[in-house]
Amino acid sequence: MNRKVTTIIDRKKCIGCGACVSVCPSGTLSLEEKKAKVTGDTSLGCGHCEAACPTGAVRVTAMDAGATRFRTIVPDASWLPHGRYDAAGLIRLMGSRRSCRNYTKRRVDPAVLADLVRAGVLAPSGTNSQKWTFTVLPGPTAVRTFGERVGQFFERLNHTAEKGWLRGLLKLVGRPELHRYYRDYYPTVREALREYRNLGVDRLFHGAAAAIVVGSKPGAACPVEDALLATQNILLAAHAMGLGTCLIGFAVVAMKKDPAIGRFLGIPPEEDVHAVIALGHPNETYRRTAGRKAFELRIYQADGR
């Protein structure tokens, strides 16, 4: 992974406060003669030092200003201190975002889709690798064509799953996946495929006007976690921007099992897909947030504390 140091210190502006040194996670900076100085030979490129400097003396040139330059909203670039945000409002946003399966026919502005990706890359990533990738399907035709490819995969899978002897044999040798699929999903998928072929009913993307495929390049420390954190950012930002979203797990499964689908979308073969997000203007309204199932909370205490 590229850990090249791209940090630059303007010694004329530096006041020697040491703020940049204290927040640097990789020991790239030190104080020498009461001034900050680049002394390490590796860097995470996280920008902590630049963000902490009170005089603007530190700059990390690896940063791309365009990555966080939004087109449809005007964000406040000042740092929000811990505890200074409306926690109740945040919980309301998280609780209000629901999986949307009813959309209007209105298209999504391409600039909004680009800004959603920008919201995604504000997520944290392991060792600041930022190896995530985003493939945007900007219109309903692209989404429908993608959905047809996914549907063809499940038609083939259903045809295979119908062979009882094969399910039994695979289960006997310790590979029960096809048996479980037939038991848990086969009937529902068969009906969804029938409705699409005979009635044009889209049970996969539900008529969404756009989609975003979130993946990762090789080399990330924890690529799945990184991609899903970015995905959650997109889901919440989309709700705040007036859009409905739904995660399409069946599409992810199909793309993992059939790499040709990713190639069809222009995704390089070395990339992995972790999430597919359907997007559109919602045609549904709720009155209140919903609850959640009971969960188990474990607390570990050392020496009784």
Protein backbone atom coordinates (compact mmCIF):
# COMPACT_ATOMS: atom_id res chain seq x y z
CA MET A 1 0.00 0.00 0.00
CA ASN A 2 1.26 3.47 -0.89
CA ARG A 3 2.44 5.22 2.30
CA LYS A 4 4.40 7.98 0.60
CA VAL A 5 4.71 11.15 2.67
CA THR A 6 3.05 14.10 0.96
CA THR A 7 2.88 16.38 4.00
CA ILE A 8 4.30 19.89 3.62
CA ILE A 9 4.99 22.29 6.51
CA ASP A 10 5.07 26.06 5.98
CA ARG A 11 7.58 27.02 8.65
CA LYS A 12 6.66 30.67 8.43
CA LYS A 13 3.09 29.89 9.45
CA CYS A 14 3.97 27.21 11.99
CA ILE A 15 3.70 28.42 15.60
CA GLY A 16 5.14 25.25 17.13
CA CYS A 17 1.99 24.30 19.04
CA GLY A 18 2.51 20.58 18.36
CA ALA A 19 -1.15 19.92 17.51
CA CYS A 20 -0.20 18.20 14.26
CA VAL A 21 2.35 15.98 16.00
CA SER A 22 -0.06 14.83 18.69
CA VAL A 23 -2.77 13.66 16.26
CA CYS A 24 -0.47 11.98 13.70
CA PRO A 25 -1.15 8.21 13.85
CA SER A 26 2.05 7.19 12.04
CA GLY A 27 4.73 9.35 13.67
CA THR A 28 5.38 11.28 10.47
CA LEU A 29 5.88 14.63 12.20
CA SER A 30 8.04 15.90 15.03
CA LEU A 31 8.82 19.21 16.69
CA GLU A 32 12.34 20.46 16.04
CA GLU A 33 13.53 23.89 17.16
CA LYS A 34 9.95 24.73 18.11
CA LYS A 35 8.65 24.05 14.60
CA ALA A 36 6.82 21.10 13.11
CA LYS A 37 8.91 19.04 10.71
CA VAL A 38 8.42 15.96 8.55
CA THR A 39 10.75 13.36 10.07
CA GLY A 40 9.04 10.05 9.26
CA ASP A 41 9.27 8.19 5.98
CA THR A 42 5.71 6.85 5.87
CA SER A 43 2.28 8.42 6.23
CA LEU A 44 -1.34 7.29 6.31
CA GLY A 45 -2.29 10.40 4.35
CA CYS A 46 -5.26 10.83 6.69
CA GLY A 47 -5.04 14.62 6.93
CA HIS A 48 -5.34 14.74 10.74
CA CYS A 49 -2.37 17.10 10.86
CA GLU A 50 -3.85 19.49 8.31
CA ALA A 51 -7.21 19.48 10.05
CA ALA A 52 -5.66 20.15 13.48
CA CYS A 53 -3.32 23.00 12.50
CA PRO A 54 -4.67 26.35 13.81
CA THR A 55 -2.72 28.48 11.31
CA GLY A 56 -3.01 26.48 8.10
CA ALA A 57 0.70 25.68 8.10
CA VAL A 58 0.23 22.01 7.25
CA ARG A 59 -0.87 20.65 3.90
CA VAL A 60 -1.23 17.04 2.71
CA THR A 61 -0.90 17.18 -1.06
CA ALA A 62 -2.24 13.65 -1.55
CA MET A 63 -5.69 15.01 -0.75
CA ASP A 64 -7.97 15.69 -3.72
CA ALA A 65 -10.05 18.80 -3.09
CA GLY A 66 -12.57 17.66 -5.67
CA ALA A 67 -13.37 14.52 -3.69
CA THR A 68 -15.29 16.58 -1.14
CA ARG A 69 -16.47 19.41 -3.37
CA PHE A 70 -20.25 18.93 -3.46
CA ARG A 71 -22.39 20.26 -6.30
CA THR A 72 -25.94 20.07 -4.96
CA ILE A 73 -25.36 21.04 -1.32
CA VAL A 74 -23.12 23.55 0.44
CA PRO A 75 -21.51 21.80 3.42
CA ASP A 76 -19.99 23.63 6.36
CA ALA A 77 -16.29 22.76 6.24
CA SER A 78 -15.62 23.77 9.85
CA TRP A 79 -15.03 20.90 12.25
CA LEU A 80 -17.94 19.89 14.46
CA PRO A 81 -16.67 19.35 18.02
CA HIS A 82 -17.59 16.21 19.91
CA GLY A 83 -20.99 16.48 21.55
CA ARG A 84 -22.04 19.53 19.53
CA TYR A 85 -24.45 17.79 17.16
CA ASP A 86 -28.12 17.07 17.77
CA ALA A 87 -27.96 13.41 18.81
CA ALA A 88 -31.74 13.11 18.85
CA GLY A 89 -31.88 14.43 15.28
CA LEU A 90 -29.25 11.94 14.18
CA ILE A 91 -31.17 9.05 15.74
CA ARG A 92 -34.32 10.30 14.00
CA LEU A 93 -32.54 10.30 10.63
CA MET A 94 -31.20 6.78 11.16
CA GLY A 95 -34.61 5.53 12.29
CA SER A 96 -36.48 7.28 9.47
CA ARG A 97 -34.39 5.82 6.67
CA ARG A 98 -36.20 2.69 5.53
CA SER A 99 -35.82 0.29 2.61
CA CYS A 100 -37.86 1.83 -0.21
CA ARG A 101 -39.68 -0.43 -2.68
CA ASN A 102 -42.01 2.12 -4.24
CA TYR A 103 -40.58 4.82 -6.49
CA THR A 104 -41.92 7.51 -8.78
CA LYS A 105 -40.78 7.61 -12.41
CA ARG A 106 -38.79 10.80 -11.81
CA ARG A 107 -35.09 10.45 -12.67
CA VAL A 108 -32.32 11.21 -10.21
CA ASP A 109 -30.09 14.20 -11.01
CA PRO A 110 -26.61 12.89 -11.96
CA ALA A 111 -25.09 15.62 -9.78
CA VAL A 112 -26.98 14.21 -6.80
CA LEU A 113 -25.64 10.73 -7.52
CA ALA A 114 -22.10 12.12 -7.66
CA ASP A 115 -22.64 13.91 -4.35
CA LEU A 116 -23.88 10.70 -2.76
CA VAL A 117 -20.59 9.07 -3.70
CA ARG A 118 -18.77 12.04 -2.15
CA ALA A 119 -20.78 11.46 1.03
CA GLY A 120 -19.73 7.82 0.88
CA VAL A 121 -16.00 8.59 0.79
CA LEU A 122 -16.30 10.62 4.00
CA ALA A 123 -16.59 7.28 5.83
CA PRO A 124 -13.61 5.90 7.75
CA SER A 125 -11.52 3.11 6.26
CA GLY A 126 -9.00 0.70 7.74
CA THR A 127 -5.50 2.27 7.77
CA ASN A 128 -7.05 5.04 5.65
CA SER A 129 -6.72 2.80 2.59
CA GLN A 130 -9.82 4.26 0.87
CA LYS A 131 -9.78 1.41 -1.65
CA TRP A 132 -13.53 1.52 -2.19
CA THR A 133 -15.01 1.83 -5.67
CA PHE A 134 -18.35 3.15 -6.89
CA THR A 135 -20.10 2.24 -10.13
CA VAL A 136 -23.13 4.41 -10.84
CA LEU A 137 -26.07 3.30 -12.97
CA PRO A 138 -27.62 6.72 -13.63
CA GLY A 139 -30.95 5.83 -15.27
CA PRO A 140 -33.78 3.30 -15.26
CA THR A 141 -32.66 1.65 -18.52
CA ALA A 142 -29.23 0.89 -17.06
CA VAL A 143 -30.83 -0.44 -13.86
CA ARG A 144 -33.29 -2.59 -15.80
CA THR A 145 -30.53 -4.06 -17.99
CA PHE A 146 -28.47 -4.80 -14.90
CA GLY A 147 -31.49 -6.42 -13.29
CA GLU A 148 -32.03 -8.65 -16.32
CA ARG A 149 -28.47 -9.93 -16.02
CA VAL A 150 -29.04 -10.70 -12.36
CA GLY A 151 -32.33 -12.40 -13.25
CA GLN A 152 -30.59 -14.61 -15.81
CA PHE A 153 -28.17 -15.77 -13.13
CA PHE A 154 -31.01 -16.78 -10.83
CA GLU A 155 -32.83 -18.54 -13.65
CA ARG A 156 -29.73 -20.70 -14.12
CA LEU A 157 -29.38 -21.19 -10.37
CA ASN A 158 -33.03 -22.23 -10.03
CA HIS A 159 -32.64 -24.69 -12.87
CA THR A 160 -29.68 -26.24 -11.06
CA ALA A 161 -31.46 -26.22 -7.68
CA GLU A 162 -34.39 -28.17 -9.13
CA LYS A 163 -32.16 -31.22 -9.44
CA GLY A 164 -32.86 -33.07 -6.21
CA TRP A 165 -30.13 -35.61 -6.76
CA LEU A 166 -27.55 -32.84 -7.06
CA ARG A 167 -28.75 -31.08 -3.91
CA GLY A 168 -28.56 -34.35 -2.01
CA LEU A 169 -25.13 -35.24 -3.32
CA LEU A 170 -23.65 -31.84 -2.50
CA LYS A 171 -25.16 -31.93 0.98
CA LEU A 172 -23.72 -35.41 1.51
CA VAL A 173 -20.18 -34.17 0.75
CA GLY A 174 -20.47 -31.19 3.08
CA ARG A 175 -21.72 -28.55 0.65
CA PRO A 176 -25.32 -27.81 1.71
CA GLU A 177 -25.53 -24.35 0.09
CA LEU A 178 -27.69 -25.44 -2.85
CA HIS A 179 -30.01 -27.35 -0.51
CA ARG A 180 -30.43 -24.27 1.69
CA TYR A 181 -31.05 -22.04 -1.30
CA TYR A 182 -33.75 -24.40 -2.58
CA ARG A 183 -35.35 -24.54 0.84
CA ASP A 184 -35.20 -20.82 1.70
CA TYR A 185 -35.24 -18.87 -1.57
CA TYR A 186 -36.13 -20.97 -4.56
CA PRO A 187 -39.94 -20.55 -4.39
CA THR A 188 -39.75 -16.78 -3.91
CA VAL A 189 -37.19 -16.31 -6.69
CA ARG A 190 -39.20 -18.53 -9.05
CA GLU A 191 -42.31 -16.44 -8.48
CA ALA A 192 -40.40 -13.16 -8.90
CA LEU A 193 -38.95 -14.37 -12.20
CA ARG A 194 -42.39 -15.46 -13.39
CA GLU A 195 -43.90 -12.07 -12.55
CA TYR A 196 -41.13 -10.25 -14.37
CA ARG A 197 -41.38 -12.39 -17.50
CA ASN A 198 -45.19 -12.43 -17.69
CA LEU A 199 -46.23 -9.15 -16.09
CA GLY A 200 -43.15 -6.92 -16.17
CA VAL A 201 -43.19 -6.60 -12.36
CA ASP A 202 -39.73 -5.74 -11.01
CA ARG A 203 -39.27 -7.51 -7.68
CA LEU A 204 -35.52 -6.88 -7.67
CA PHE A 205 -35.03 -3.12 -8.09
CA HIS A 206 -38.71 -2.21 -7.68
CA GLY A 207 -38.57 0.36 -10.47
CA ALA A 208 -35.69 2.35 -8.98
CA ALA A 209 -34.41 5.12 -11.24
CA ALA A 210 -30.72 4.61 -10.42
CA ALA A 211 -28.28 2.36 -8.58
CA ILE A 212 -24.81 2.48 -7.06
CA VAL A 213 -22.57 -0.58 -6.85
CA VAL A 214 -20.04 -0.31 -4.00
CA GLY A 215 -16.90 -2.40 -4.25
CA SER A 216 -13.23 -2.41 -3.35
CA LYS A 217 -9.85 -2.65 -5.02
CA PRO A 218 -7.20 -5.11 -3.78
CA GLY A 219 -4.93 -4.02 -0.96
CA ALA A 220 -7.35 -2.70 1.65
CA ALA A 221 -6.89 -3.76 5.27
CA CYS A 222 -10.62 -4.46 5.75
CA PRO A 223 -12.36 -3.95 2.39
CA VAL A 224 -15.80 -5.28 3.34
CA GLU A 225 -16.08 -3.05 6.40
CA ASP A 226 -14.82 -0.03 4.46
CA ALA A 227 -17.35 -0.53 1.67
CA LEU A 228 -20.26 -1.04 4.03
CA LEU A 229 -19.38 2.05 6.07
CA ALA A 230 -19.38 4.07 2.85
CA THR A 231 -22.68 2.44 1.92
CA GLN A 232 -24.29 3.52 5.18
CA ASN A 233 -23.14 7.08 4.54
CA ILE A 234 -24.84 6.96 1.14
CA LEU A 235 -28.07 5.55 2.56
CA LEU A 236 -28.38 8.27 5.20
CA ALA A 237 -27.32 11.07 2.85
CA ALA A 238 -29.84 9.90 0.26
CA HIS A 239 -32.67 10.10 2.79
CA ALA A 240 -31.57 13.58 3.85
CA MET A 241 -31.50 14.61 0.16
CA GLY A 242 -35.03 13.37 -0.53
CA LEU A 243 -34.31 9.94 -2.01
CA GLY A 244 -35.39 6.44 -1.08
CA THR A 245 -32.91 3.57 -1.06
CA CYS A 246 -32.86 -0.20 -0.81
CA LEU A 247 -29.96 -2.62 -0.52
CA ILE A 248 -30.23 -5.34 -3.18
CA GLY A 249 -28.54 -8.38 -1.66
CA PHE A 250 -29.61 -10.72 -4.47
CA ALA A 251 -27.61 -8.58 -6.93
CA VAL A 252 -24.50 -8.82 -4.73
CA VAL A 253 -24.81 -12.62 -4.59
CA ALA A 254 -25.22 -12.84 -8.35
CA MET A 255 -22.18 -10.65 -9.00
CA LYS A 256 -20.00 -12.66 -6.63
CA LYS A 257 -21.02 -15.94 -8.25
CA ASP A 258 -20.97 -14.67 -11.85
CA PRO A 259 -18.06 -12.27 -12.52
CA ALA A 260 -19.40 -11.67 -16.05
CA ILE A 261 -22.08 -9.40 -14.58
CA GLY A 262 -19.42 -7.10 -13.15
CA ARG A 263 -17.50 -7.08 -16.40
CA PHE A 264 -20.73 -6.14 -18.17
CA LEU A 265 -20.90 -3.06 -15.94
CA GLY A 266 -17.25 -2.20 -16.61
CA ILE A 267 -16.01 -3.32 -13.19
CA PRO A 268 -12.44 -4.68 -13.39
CA PRO A 269 -12.14 -8.38 -12.49
CA GLU A 270 -9.78 -7.68 -9.58
CA GLU A 271 -12.44 -5.67 -7.74
CA ASP A 272 -14.89 -7.21 -5.27
CA VAL A 273 -18.52 -6.09 -4.92
CA HIS A 274 -19.96 -5.62 -1.44
CA ALA A 275 -23.20 -3.66 -1.83
CA VAL A 276 -25.75 -2.67 -4.47
CA ILE A 277 -27.95 0.31 -3.66
CA ALA A 278 -31.20 1.02 -5.49
CA LEU A 279 -32.12 4.73 -5.52
CA GLY A 280 -35.03 6.85 -6.57
CA HIS A 281 -37.62 9.39 -5.54
CA PRO A 282 -39.84 7.60 -3.02
CA ASN A 283 -43.53 7.03 -3.58
CA GLU A 284 -44.29 6.05 0.00
CA THR A 285 -44.83 7.83 3.31
CA TYR A 286 -44.51 6.69 6.92
CA ARG A 287 -45.97 8.18 10.08
CA ARG A 288 -43.37 7.13 12.61
CA THR A 289 -40.09 5.30 12.99
CA ALA A 290 -40.21 1.55 13.61
CA GLY A 291 -38.77 -0.44 16.47
CA ARG A 292 -36.17 -3.18 16.32
CA LYS A 293 -35.96 -6.77 17.47
CA ALA A 294 -34.48 -7.50 20.87
CA PHE A 295 -30.68 -7.68 20.82
CA GLU A 296 -28.09 -9.16 23.11
CA LEU A 297 -25.66 -6.77 24.79
CA ARG A 298 -22.49 -8.25 26.27
CA ILE A 299 -20.22 -6.36 28.65
CA TYR A 300 -16.76 -7.62 29.51
CA GLN A 301 -15.28 -6.43 32.77
CA ALA A 302 -11.71 -7.15 33.80
CA ASP A 303 -11.15 -7.80 37.51
CA GLY A 304 -14.79 -6.99 38.20
CA ARG A 305 -14.49 -3.47 36.82
